[in-house]
Amino acid sequence: MMRTTSRFARGAALLAATTLALSACSGDDSTPGSSAAADQGENFDLIDPGTIRVASMGDARPYTFTDENGEFTGFDVEFFKEVAGCVGIDDVVFTGQDFSAILPAVANGQFDVGVAAIGITEERQQTVDFSDGYLAGYLTVITPEGASITEPEDLAGQRLGVVQGTLQETYAAENFPDVELVRFPDNNAGISALNSGTIGAHFADYEAAKQYATQYDVDLAINIPSFDAPAGFALKPGNDDFREALNTCLEQKMEDGTWRDLYQEWFPGSPMPDQYLPSSEQGSDDASETTTP
């Protein structure tokens, strides 16, 4: 059974403002998504011109995961493919990595992009460049059903699971001083430890926690806003032409409703940050404010 103990506030994601004009993915030859833009893909500093090699995760549902056929899918995967297509590149190759390995692999040139709901932080910007933000949400403490944990103070003395290298690990280290952090390579390992009693709670993002709550007898005990670190696409430092092209198309895919439609598909019932909606829909309370399911 799933129980939540807090309401979601209205999203306040920090989407970087842009002055680039929005245009269709056709028309002017310089517009990302045009055939000329595809040719100009050779000017992007990619490992293989015309192909984008992406480091991601195979078990971070609903953001990025592999389906029964071994194909990568999820919100981040499908949204990135839409953005890449607008840039003019349809050949996108995803490879699964532990989360902690994604940014180093992008930084050293093993991959062109990291796509895995990667929060943009000052520390991470010392390693890689980021696109503009495209997603924000909540961090959630998952506990066994009926556990007496409803506030951060209740975590004192607990063994708390985190995925190594995530915002949850950083947040917990800074804000939960009286817990013992137990680091895992992915959420599945953390949830297994929670179910076996090895740890007393596990710290994940809300959307992943919501999925686990449909499979196991756990509570979503504490929900913490993380709108100060929206997710972005991670790129090797200095690939400015590619980053700017991604940003132009990222905003376009928000303006034409692609982002909204994918969000509704992958995050049904979750709050929708107003800043990511088409400009004609911004300010709608129905779209941006919901309570937890």
Protein backbone atom coordinates (compact mmCIF):
# COMPACT_ATOMS: atom_id res chain seq x y z
CA MET A 1 0.00 0.00 0.00
CA MET A 2 1.21 3.55 -0.67
CA ARG A 3 0.91 6.35 1.84
CA THR A 4 2.22 9.89 1.37
CA THR A 5 2.58 12.44 4.12
CA SER A 6 3.02 15.74 2.30
CA ARG A 7 1.40 17.72 -0.50
CA PHE A 8 3.27 18.90 -3.56
CA ALA A 9 3.79 22.64 -3.81
CA ARG A 10 3.55 24.32 -7.17
CA GLY A 11 6.61 23.57 -9.29
CA ALA A 12 9.23 26.29 -9.35
CA ALA A 13 11.82 24.71 -11.59
CA LEU A 14 14.75 26.86 -12.62
CA LEU A 15 14.50 26.58 -16.39
CA ALA A 16 17.23 28.77 -17.85
CA ALA A 17 15.80 31.63 -19.89
CA THR A 18 16.74 31.79 -23.54
CA THR A 19 16.59 34.56 -26.09
CA LEU A 20 16.67 32.25 -29.09
CA ALA A 21 13.61 32.58 -31.31
CA LEU A 22 11.45 29.50 -31.58
CA SER A 23 10.97 28.16 -35.07
CA ALA A 24 9.76 24.97 -36.72
CA CYS A 25 12.23 22.16 -37.37
CA SER A 26 12.19 23.07 -41.04
CA GLY A 27 12.55 26.17 -43.13
CA ASP A 28 15.71 28.27 -42.65
CA ASP A 29 18.73 26.09 -43.39
CA SER A 30 20.36 27.17 -40.14
CA THR A 31 17.44 25.95 -38.05
CA PRO A 32 18.19 22.80 -35.99
CA GLY A 33 16.28 19.90 -37.47
CA SER A 34 16.73 21.01 -41.08
CA SER A 35 18.70 18.92 -43.58
CA ALA A 36 21.44 21.54 -43.43
CA ALA A 37 21.54 21.16 -39.67
CA ALA A 38 21.99 17.43 -40.15
CA ASP A 39 24.96 18.14 -42.39
CA GLN A 40 26.29 20.56 -39.81
CA GLY A 41 26.19 17.72 -37.29
CA GLU A 42 29.70 17.02 -38.47
CA ASN A 43 30.66 20.31 -36.84
CA PHE A 44 29.45 19.05 -33.48
CA ASP A 45 32.24 17.44 -31.48
CA LEU A 46 30.66 13.97 -31.53
CA ILE A 47 32.46 10.65 -31.26
CA ASP A 48 30.93 9.55 -34.57
CA PRO A 49 29.51 12.37 -36.77
CA GLY A 50 25.81 11.78 -37.33
CA THR A 51 25.44 9.58 -34.23
CA ILE A 52 24.84 10.60 -30.61
CA ARG A 53 26.23 8.13 -28.08
CA VAL A 54 24.35 8.44 -24.78
CA ALA A 55 25.27 7.19 -21.31
CA SER A 56 22.11 6.37 -19.39
CA MET A 57 20.65 3.89 -16.88
CA GLY A 58 18.76 0.68 -17.56
CA ASP A 59 16.80 0.58 -14.32
CA ALA A 60 15.64 4.11 -13.46
CA ARG A 61 11.95 3.81 -14.33
CA PRO A 62 10.13 5.95 -15.45
CA TYR A 63 13.05 8.19 -16.49
CA THR A 64 15.20 5.70 -18.34
CA PHE A 65 15.09 1.91 -18.38
CA THR A 66 15.20 -1.05 -20.72
CA ASP A 67 11.95 -2.70 -21.76
CA GLU A 68 11.26 -6.41 -22.26
CA ASN A 69 13.05 -6.24 -25.62
CA GLY A 70 16.15 -4.65 -24.12
CA GLU A 71 15.39 -1.28 -25.72
CA PHE A 72 15.89 1.94 -23.79
CA THR A 73 12.76 3.95 -23.08
CA GLY A 74 11.29 6.26 -20.43
CA PHE A 75 10.58 9.98 -20.24
CA ASP A 76 14.17 11.18 -20.51
CA VAL A 77 14.97 8.76 -23.32
CA GLU A 78 11.94 9.65 -25.42
CA PHE A 79 12.32 13.38 -24.81
CA PHE A 80 16.01 13.32 -25.73
CA LYS A 81 15.26 11.44 -28.95
CA GLU A 82 12.71 14.13 -29.87
CA VAL A 83 15.28 16.87 -29.19
CA ALA A 84 18.01 15.01 -31.09
CA GLY A 85 15.70 14.56 -34.07
CA CYS A 86 15.00 18.28 -34.08
CA VAL A 87 18.74 18.94 -34.11
CA GLY A 88 18.92 16.69 -37.16
CA ILE A 89 20.31 13.45 -35.71
CA ASP A 90 18.09 10.36 -35.55
CA ASP A 91 20.82 7.83 -34.81
CA VAL A 92 20.92 7.85 -30.99
CA VAL A 93 22.65 4.96 -29.21
CA PHE A 94 21.96 4.44 -25.49
CA THR A 95 24.27 2.46 -23.20
CA GLY A 96 23.52 1.58 -19.59
CA GLN A 97 25.89 2.73 -16.84
CA ASP A 98 25.86 2.98 -13.06
CA PHE A 99 24.70 6.50 -12.26
CA SER A 100 28.01 7.42 -10.61
CA ALA A 101 29.87 6.50 -13.81
CA ILE A 102 27.83 8.63 -16.22
CA LEU A 103 29.40 12.06 -15.70
CA PRO A 104 33.03 10.85 -15.69
CA ALA A 105 32.36 8.86 -18.88
CA VAL A 106 30.88 11.93 -20.59
CA ALA A 107 33.67 14.18 -19.36
CA ASN A 108 36.42 11.91 -20.70
CA GLY A 109 34.77 11.52 -24.10
CA GLN A 110 33.44 7.96 -23.86
CA PHE A 111 29.93 9.31 -24.56
CA ASP A 112 28.56 12.44 -26.19
CA VAL A 113 25.73 12.99 -23.69
CA GLY A 114 24.51 11.77 -20.32
CA VAL A 115 20.73 11.37 -20.08
CA ALA A 116 19.32 10.08 -16.78
CA ALA A 117 17.36 12.83 -14.98
CA ILE A 118 20.72 14.32 -13.95
CA GLY A 119 20.22 17.30 -11.64
CA ILE A 120 22.24 20.40 -12.53
CA THR A 121 24.45 21.38 -9.58
CA GLU A 122 27.50 23.61 -9.23
CA GLU A 123 29.61 20.60 -8.27
CA ARG A 124 28.61 18.66 -11.39
CA GLN A 125 29.22 21.71 -13.56
CA GLN A 126 32.87 21.43 -12.58
CA THR A 127 32.96 18.12 -14.48
CA VAL A 128 30.57 18.54 -17.43
CA ASP A 129 28.49 21.15 -19.24
CA PHE A 130 24.70 21.00 -19.11
CA SER A 131 21.84 21.86 -21.37
CA ASP A 132 19.05 24.02 -20.01
CA GLY A 133 16.88 22.32 -17.42
CA TYR A 134 13.94 20.19 -18.54
CA LEU A 135 12.63 18.38 -15.46
CA ALA A 136 12.20 18.94 -11.73
CA GLY A 137 10.58 16.97 -8.96
CA TYR A 138 10.83 15.66 -5.40
CA LEU A 139 13.22 13.54 -3.36
CA THR A 140 11.43 10.84 -1.35
CA VAL A 141 12.31 8.73 1.68
CA ILE A 142 10.86 5.23 1.27
CA THR A 143 10.21 3.16 4.39
CA PRO A 144 8.65 -0.22 5.16
CA GLU A 145 4.90 0.06 5.50
CA GLY A 146 3.89 1.27 8.95
CA ALA A 147 7.36 2.46 10.00
CA SER A 148 7.27 5.39 12.42
CA ILE A 149 9.14 7.76 10.09
CA THR A 150 7.24 10.85 8.98
CA GLU A 151 9.77 13.68 9.47
CA PRO A 152 13.50 14.01 8.76
CA GLU A 153 14.19 13.93 12.51
CA ASP A 154 12.77 10.41 12.65
CA LEU A 155 15.67 9.19 10.49
CA ALA A 156 18.18 9.70 13.33
CA GLY A 157 20.03 6.46 13.97
CA GLN A 158 18.68 4.80 10.83
CA ARG A 159 20.64 3.18 8.02
CA LEU A 160 19.53 5.13 4.94
CA GLY A 161 20.10 3.80 1.44
CA VAL A 162 21.13 6.14 -1.39
CA VAL A 163 22.31 5.63 -4.96
CA GLN A 164 25.93 6.70 -5.18
CA GLY A 165 26.48 9.99 -6.99
CA THR A 166 22.86 11.18 -6.87
CA LEU A 167 21.28 14.34 -5.50
CA GLN A 168 19.83 12.16 -2.77
CA GLU A 169 23.29 11.19 -1.57
CA THR A 170 24.42 14.83 -1.53
CA TYR A 171 21.24 16.03 0.18
CA ALA A 172 21.35 13.30 2.81
CA ALA A 173 25.01 13.92 3.61
CA GLU A 174 24.29 17.62 4.14
CA ASN A 175 20.93 17.45 5.89
CA PHE A 176 20.67 14.09 7.69
CA PRO A 177 23.74 14.18 9.97
CA ASP A 178 22.53 11.48 12.34
CA VAL A 179 21.96 8.72 9.78
CA GLU A 180 24.32 6.07 8.45
CA LEU A 181 24.39 6.31 4.66
CA VAL A 182 24.52 3.01 2.80
CA ARG A 183 25.47 3.50 -0.85
CA PHE A 184 24.11 1.36 -3.69
CA PRO A 185 24.77 1.30 -7.46
CA ASP A 186 21.03 1.63 -8.25
CA ASN A 187 17.60 1.88 -6.65
CA ASN A 188 16.77 -1.78 -7.21
CA ALA A 189 19.63 -2.80 -4.92
CA GLY A 190 18.51 -0.26 -2.32
CA ILE A 191 14.90 -1.45 -2.37
CA SER A 192 16.06 -5.07 -2.03
CA ALA A 193 18.03 -4.07 1.06
CA LEU A 194 15.00 -2.22 2.41
CA ASN A 195 12.75 -5.23 1.92
CA SER A 196 15.27 -7.54 3.58
CA GLY A 197 15.64 -5.23 6.59
CA THR A 198 19.29 -4.44 5.92
CA ILE A 199 18.47 -0.72 5.87
CA GLY A 200 15.66 1.17 7.59
CA ALA A 201 14.83 3.55 4.71
CA HIS A 202 15.85 4.31 1.14
CA PHE A 203 16.15 7.78 -0.44
CA ALA A 204 15.07 8.06 -4.09
CA ASP A 205 13.27 10.47 -6.40
CA TYR A 206 9.50 10.63 -6.10
CA GLU A 207 8.68 9.10 -9.47
CA ALA A 208 10.89 6.06 -8.85
CA ALA A 209 9.50 5.77 -5.32
CA LYS A 210 5.96 5.85 -6.69
CA GLN A 211 6.77 2.90 -8.95
CA TYR A 212 8.21 0.85 -6.08
CA ALA A 213 5.12 1.61 -3.99
CA THR A 214 3.00 -0.23 -6.56
CA GLN A 215 5.20 -3.33 -6.22
CA TYR A 216 6.05 -3.54 -2.52
CA ASP A 217 4.52 -2.78 0.87
CA VAL A 218 6.31 0.51 1.39
CA ASP A 219 5.38 4.04 2.40
CA LEU A 220 6.52 7.27 0.75
CA ALA A 221 7.26 8.78 4.13
CA ILE A 222 8.96 12.12 3.39
CA ASN A 223 8.81 14.22 0.20
CA ILE A 224 11.37 17.01 -0.25
CA PRO A 225 11.26 19.56 -3.14
CA SER A 226 14.29 19.53 -5.46
CA PHE A 227 13.32 22.37 -7.77
CA ASP A 228 16.68 24.08 -7.19
CA ALA A 229 18.45 21.44 -9.29
CA PRO A 230 16.41 20.68 -12.42
CA ALA A 231 17.60 17.86 -14.65
CA GLY A 232 19.61 18.63 -17.76
CA PHE A 233 21.49 16.78 -20.49
CA ALA A 234 25.18 16.42 -19.56
CA LEU A 235 27.78 17.13 -22.26
CA LYS A 236 31.53 17.13 -22.56
CA PRO A 237 32.84 20.62 -21.68
CA GLY A 238 33.44 22.89 -24.65
CA ASN A 239 31.02 21.35 -27.14
CA ASP A 240 29.19 24.67 -27.31
CA ASP A 241 27.65 24.36 -30.79
CA PHE A 242 26.04 21.07 -29.85
CA ARG A 243 24.82 22.40 -26.48
CA GLU A 244 23.28 25.48 -28.07
CA ALA A 245 21.55 23.37 -30.73
CA LEU A 246 20.15 21.08 -28.04
CA ASN A 247 18.93 24.08 -26.04
CA THR A 248 17.15 25.58 -29.04
CA CYS A 249 15.37 22.32 -29.79
CA LEU A 250 14.74 21.56 -26.11
CA GLU A 251 12.79 24.80 -25.79
CA GLN A 252 11.02 24.18 -29.08
CA LYS A 253 9.86 20.75 -27.90
CA MET A 254 8.42 22.42 -24.81
CA GLU A 255 6.70 25.12 -26.85
CA ASP A 256 5.08 22.68 -29.30
CA GLY A 257 3.67 20.51 -26.49
CA THR A 258 5.97 17.50 -26.96
CA TRP A 259 7.34 17.81 -23.41
CA ARG A 260 3.83 18.15 -21.96
CA ASP A 261 2.52 15.08 -23.79
CA LEU A 262 5.46 12.91 -22.74
CA TYR A 263 5.19 14.13 -19.14
CA GLN A 264 1.51 13.19 -18.99
CA GLU A 265 2.34 9.78 -20.45
CA TRP A 266 5.18 8.93 -18.08
CA PHE A 267 4.16 10.80 -14.91
CA PRO A 268 0.36 10.46 -14.70
CA GLY A 269 -1.07 12.37 -11.73
CA SER A 270 2.20 14.15 -10.90
CA PRO A 271 2.55 17.95 -10.70
CA MET A 272 3.57 19.58 -13.96
CA PRO A 273 6.05 22.49 -13.64
CA ASP A 274 4.47 25.52 -15.26
CA GLN A 275 7.73 26.73 -16.82
CA TYR A 276 7.98 23.72 -19.13
CA LEU A 277 4.55 24.11 -20.71
CA PRO A 278 3.80 25.92 -23.98
CA SER A 279 3.66 29.66 -23.31
CA SER A 280 -0.05 29.69 -24.12
CA GLU A 281 -0.70 27.22 -21.28
CA GLN A 282 1.48 28.73 -18.57
CA GLY A 283 -0.36 30.02 -15.54
CA SER A 284 -2.96 27.24 -15.56
CA ASP A 285 -3.41 26.02 -12.00
CA ASP A 286 -4.95 22.80 -13.30
CA ALA A 287 -1.76 21.96 -15.16
CA SER A 288 0.82 22.91 -12.55
CA GLU A 289 -0.78 22.07 -9.20
CA THR A 290 -1.87 18.62 -8.19
CA THR A 291 -1.76 16.63 -4.98
CA THR A 292 -0.04 13.30 -4.58
CA PRO A 293 -1.98 10.36 -6.02
